[in-house]
């Protein structure tokens, strides 16, 4: 019995560490601490998180499935580097899907969903005003995801979830330095109000304008920088 309990605890700790590696790298990319092409050696990561390389590899596989990382045969994994063409296709797909989600979601939010969206808009505005950059990024992501969750068509919602993450990663990798991530005063407020009012066409139009604003401010210039993985991921 003691052996079985010990094995279960070890498995739980391993899963927790795998999640920690995944979350740490995802967060570092979203917050521009790691840019496209950054090497992620398994040995370095195993030392940073004090686990064996198989745990690191599982986390990297998950990150690869989410298009955050690219795994290469006989080479270190690297942070993804979407091409300009791929980026344009991602934004076009998201504009199309998110517009339809807005049309179908408008006027159909429950009281609890509406309260959550209101809370996210307020928290994002506060984080922006107080200069909490990392918090603002995650709140922006959650705003779009929460509206997707409220869509009656959950197939579209799941597609949009993937596109939200992929375009957010692209914005983090290529946005003009100093530009607030996924934030322009009143953008999310306007989208939320249109959805609350049941005006799906206005919500769709505002969502598209929001995405076009972001896409037009991306820069694909190479950034030749060195990163201290232990400092970025070990905190």
Protein backbone atom coordinates (compact mmCIF):
# COMPACT_ATOMS: atom_id res chain seq x y z
CA UNK A 1 0.00 0.00 0.00
CA UNK A 2 2.85 2.38 0.95
CA UNK A 3 4.59 1.65 -2.36
CA UNK A 4 1.41 2.32 -4.34
CA UNK A 5 0.86 5.61 -2.49
CA UNK A 6 4.46 6.62 -3.08
CA UNK A 7 4.19 5.88 -6.79
CA UNK A 8 0.95 7.86 -7.04
CA UNK A 9 2.57 10.84 -5.31
CA UNK A 10 5.59 10.65 -7.61
CA UNK A 11 3.32 10.54 -10.68
CA UNK A 12 1.39 13.57 -9.41
CA UNK A 13 4.63 15.52 -8.81
CA UNK A 14 5.85 14.64 -12.30
CA UNK A 15 2.57 15.83 -13.85
CA UNK A 16 2.76 19.04 -11.82
CA UNK A 17 6.30 19.70 -13.04
CA UNK A 18 5.30 18.98 -16.63
CA UNK A 19 2.50 21.55 -16.27
CA UNK A 20 4.94 24.01 -14.71
CA UNK A 21 7.35 23.68 -17.65
CA UNK A 22 4.50 24.10 -20.13
CA UNK A 23 3.03 27.10 -18.31
CA UNK A 24 6.42 28.79 -17.80
CA UNK A 25 7.41 28.60 -21.47
CA UNK A 26 3.94 29.58 -22.67
CA UNK A 27 3.95 32.58 -20.31
CA UNK A 28 7.48 33.61 -21.33
CA UNK A 29 6.52 33.60 -25.01
CA UNK A 30 3.22 35.44 -24.51
CA UNK A 31 4.97 38.13 -22.46
CA UNK A 32 7.83 38.57 -24.97
CA UNK A 33 10.52 37.22 -22.67
CA UNK A 34 11.35 34.62 -25.32
CA UNK A 35 11.17 35.44 -29.02
CA UNK A 36 10.87 33.35 -32.16
CA UNK A 37 13.72 30.93 -32.79
CA UNK A 38 14.94 30.85 -29.16
CA UNK A 39 16.57 27.48 -28.46
CA UNK A 40 15.06 25.32 -25.70
CA UNK A 41 17.60 22.55 -24.98
CA UNK A 42 16.15 19.61 -23.08
CA UNK A 43 19.24 19.30 -20.87
CA UNK A 44 19.07 22.96 -19.84
CA UNK A 45 15.37 22.73 -19.09
CA UNK A 46 15.81 19.51 -17.11
CA UNK A 47 18.42 21.26 -14.95
CA UNK A 48 16.28 24.38 -14.47
CA UNK A 49 13.24 22.36 -13.35
CA UNK A 50 15.21 19.54 -11.69
CA UNK A 51 13.51 16.74 -13.61
CA UNK A 52 14.60 14.12 -16.10
CA UNK A 53 14.50 14.89 -19.80
CA UNK A 54 11.46 12.69 -20.48
CA UNK A 55 9.32 15.09 -18.43
CA UNK A 56 10.74 18.05 -20.35
CA UNK A 57 10.08 16.28 -23.64
CA UNK A 58 6.42 15.70 -22.78
CA UNK A 59 5.97 19.38 -22.00
CA UNK A 60 7.65 20.32 -25.28
CA UNK A 61 5.34 17.97 -27.18
CA UNK A 62 2.34 19.75 -25.64
CA UNK A 63 3.80 23.14 -26.56
CA UNK A 64 4.35 21.87 -30.10
CA UNK A 65 0.71 20.81 -30.35
CA UNK A 66 -0.25 24.37 -29.41
CA UNK A 67 2.11 25.82 -32.07
CA UNK A 68 4.21 27.58 -29.43
CA UNK A 69 7.32 25.46 -29.96
CA UNK A 70 8.84 23.58 -32.90
CA UNK A 71 10.60 20.29 -32.17
CA UNK A 72 13.44 19.39 -34.54
CA UNK A 73 15.05 16.03 -35.24
CA UNK A 74 18.46 15.74 -33.55
CA UNK A 75 18.35 19.43 -32.59
CA UNK A 76 17.03 21.49 -29.72
CA UNK A 77 13.42 22.58 -29.81
CA UNK A 78 12.91 26.25 -30.58
CA UNK A 79 10.20 28.84 -30.02
CA UNK A 80 7.94 28.87 -33.08
CA UNK A 81 8.61 31.34 -35.90
CA UNK A 82 5.47 31.69 -38.05
CA UNK A 83 6.13 33.12 -41.51
CA UNK A 84 4.42 36.33 -42.65
CA UNK A 85 2.24 34.22 -44.97
CA UNK A 86 1.19 31.88 -42.15
CA UNK A 87 0.50 34.86 -39.90
CA UNK A 88 -1.73 36.47 -42.55
CA UNK A 89 -3.65 33.20 -42.92
CA UNK A 90 -4.09 32.89 -39.15
CA UNK A 91 -5.50 36.40 -38.83
CA UNK A 92 -7.79 35.91 -41.84
CA UNK A 93 -9.12 32.68 -40.33
CA UNK A 94 -9.61 34.26 -36.93
CA UNK A 95 -11.43 37.28 -38.37
CA UNK A 96 -13.82 34.96 -40.19
CA UNK A 97 -14.46 32.62 -37.24
CA UNK A 98 -14.57 35.26 -34.51
CA UNK A 99 -17.01 37.42 -36.49
CA UNK A 100 -19.41 34.47 -36.73
CA UNK A 101 -18.93 33.65 -33.05
CA UNK A 102 -19.82 37.26 -32.18
CA UNK A 103 -22.97 37.06 -34.31
CA UNK A 104 -24.09 33.85 -32.63
CA UNK A 105 -23.11 34.90 -29.11
CA UNK A 106 -24.66 38.38 -29.14
CA UNK A 107 -27.69 38.51 -26.89
CA UNK A 108 -27.18 34.97 -25.59
CA UNK A 109 -24.89 35.51 -22.59
CA UNK A 110 -26.10 34.26 -19.23
CA UNK A 111 -26.00 36.65 -16.29
CA UNK A 112 -22.93 34.88 -14.90
CA UNK A 113 -21.11 34.99 -18.26
CA UNK A 114 -21.91 38.68 -18.63
CA UNK A 115 -20.58 39.36 -15.13
CA UNK A 116 -17.36 37.48 -15.96
CA UNK A 117 -16.86 39.47 -19.17
CA UNK A 118 -17.52 42.74 -17.33
CA UNK A 119 -14.97 41.74 -14.69
CA UNK A 120 -12.36 40.91 -17.33
CA UNK A 121 -12.85 44.24 -19.14
CA UNK A 122 -12.51 46.15 -15.85
CA UNK A 123 -9.48 44.14 -14.70
CA UNK A 124 -7.75 44.56 -18.05
CA UNK A 125 -8.32 48.33 -17.98
CA UNK A 126 -6.93 48.49 -14.45
CA UNK A 127 -3.88 46.37 -15.32
CA UNK A 128 -3.18 48.64 -18.30
CA UNK A 129 -3.46 51.76 -16.17
CA UNK A 130 -1.17 50.34 -13.49
CA UNK A 131 1.40 49.06 -16.00
CA UNK A 132 0.94 45.39 -15.16
CA UNK A 133 1.98 44.19 -18.61
CA UNK A 134 1.91 40.43 -17.99
CA UNK A 135 -1.48 40.51 -16.29
CA UNK A 136 -2.96 42.57 -19.11
CA UNK A 137 -1.83 40.04 -21.71
CA UNK A 138 -3.49 37.13 -19.95
CA UNK A 139 -6.66 39.13 -19.26
CA UNK A 140 -6.88 40.02 -22.96
CA UNK A 141 -6.60 36.36 -23.85
CA UNK A 142 -9.27 35.39 -21.31
CA UNK A 143 -11.64 38.07 -22.63
CA UNK A 144 -11.72 36.54 -26.10
CA UNK A 145 -11.82 32.99 -24.73
CA UNK A 146 -14.74 33.77 -22.41
CA UNK A 147 -16.84 35.16 -25.26
CA UNK A 148 -15.97 32.07 -27.31
CA UNK A 149 -17.10 29.85 -24.43
CA UNK A 150 -20.50 31.58 -24.46
CA UNK A 151 -21.12 30.82 -28.14
CA UNK A 152 -24.06 28.45 -28.71
CA UNK A 153 -22.03 26.73 -31.45
CA UNK A 154 -19.31 25.00 -29.47
CA UNK A 155 -17.61 23.62 -32.57
CA UNK A 156 -16.90 27.19 -33.66
CA UNK A 157 -15.89 28.03 -30.09
CA UNK A 158 -13.23 25.30 -30.03
CA UNK A 159 -11.84 26.43 -33.39
CA UNK A 160 -11.72 30.00 -32.13
CA UNK A 161 -9.91 28.95 -28.96
CA UNK A 162 -7.05 27.56 -31.05
CA UNK A 163 -6.94 30.66 -33.25
CA UNK A 164 -6.95 32.98 -30.23
CA UNK A 165 -3.88 31.28 -28.80
CA UNK A 166 -2.04 31.05 -32.13
CA UNK A 167 -2.64 34.68 -33.09
CA UNK A 168 -1.77 35.82 -29.55
CA UNK A 169 1.53 33.95 -29.78
CA UNK A 170 2.18 35.58 -33.15
CA UNK A 171 1.42 39.03 -31.75
CA UNK A 172 3.80 38.38 -28.85
CA UNK A 173 6.55 37.23 -31.23
CA UNK A 174 6.23 39.98 -33.81
CA UNK A 175 4.47 43.00 -32.34
CA UNK A 176 6.27 46.34 -32.55
CA UNK A 177 8.30 46.78 -29.34
CA UNK A 178 6.42 48.90 -26.82
CA UNK A 179 2.97 48.20 -28.28
CA UNK A 180 0.44 47.10 -25.66
CA UNK A 181 -0.50 43.49 -26.35
CA UNK A 182 -4.05 43.01 -27.60
CA UNK A 183 -5.02 46.33 -26.06
CA UNK A 184 -6.36 49.58 -27.41
CA UNK A 185 -8.52 51.77 -25.24
CA UNK A 186 -12.20 50.85 -25.61
CA UNK A 187 -11.69 47.96 -28.08
CA UNK A 188 -12.82 45.21 -25.73
CA UNK A 189 -15.34 47.52 -24.07
CA UNK A 190 -16.99 48.15 -27.42
CA UNK A 191 -17.08 44.47 -28.37
CA UNK A 192 -18.54 43.51 -24.99
CA UNK A 193 -21.24 46.20 -25.17
CA UNK A 194 -22.27 45.10 -28.67
CA UNK A 195 -22.58 41.48 -27.50
CA UNK A 196 -24.54 42.56 -24.42
CA UNK A 197 -26.88 44.64 -26.62
CA UNK A 198 -27.52 41.68 -28.91
CA UNK A 199 -25.99 43.51 -31.90
CA UNK A 200 -24.04 40.68 -33.53
CA UNK A 201 -23.10 42.61 -36.66
CA UNK A 202 -21.62 45.48 -34.65
CA UNK A 203 -19.73 43.02 -32.42
CA UNK A 204 -18.39 41.22 -35.52
CA UNK A 205 -17.29 44.50 -37.13
CA UNK A 206 -15.54 45.70 -33.96
CA UNK A 207 -13.80 42.35 -33.49
CA UNK A 208 -12.48 42.51 -37.06
CA UNK A 209 -11.28 46.10 -36.62
CA UNK A 210 -9.52 45.05 -33.42
CA UNK A 211 -7.70 42.21 -35.20
CA UNK A 212 -6.77 44.36 -38.19
CA UNK A 213 -5.26 46.94 -35.84
CA UNK A 214 -3.07 44.26 -34.28
CA UNK A 215 -2.03 42.62 -37.53
CA UNK A 216 -0.98 45.90 -39.14
CA UNK A 217 1.39 46.62 -36.25
CA UNK A 218 3.47 43.47 -36.49
CA UNK A 219 7.13 43.59 -37.46
CA UNK A 220 9.04 40.62 -38.85
CA UNK A 221 12.49 42.12 -38.36
CA UNK A 222 15.01 39.65 -36.93
CA UNK A 223 15.85 40.09 -33.26
CA UNK A 224 19.24 38.60 -32.54
CA UNK A 225 19.13 38.35 -28.76
CA UNK A 226 20.58 36.00 -26.17
CA UNK A 227 18.39 34.70 -23.34
CA UNK A 228 19.16 33.36 -19.89
CA UNK A 229 16.65 30.52 -19.67
CA UNK A 230 17.40 29.88 -16.01
CA UNK A 231 16.61 33.51 -15.14
CA UNK A 232 13.44 33.67 -17.27
CA UNK A 233 11.97 30.25 -16.46
CA UNK A 234 13.43 29.58 -13.03
CA UNK A 235 11.62 32.39 -11.23
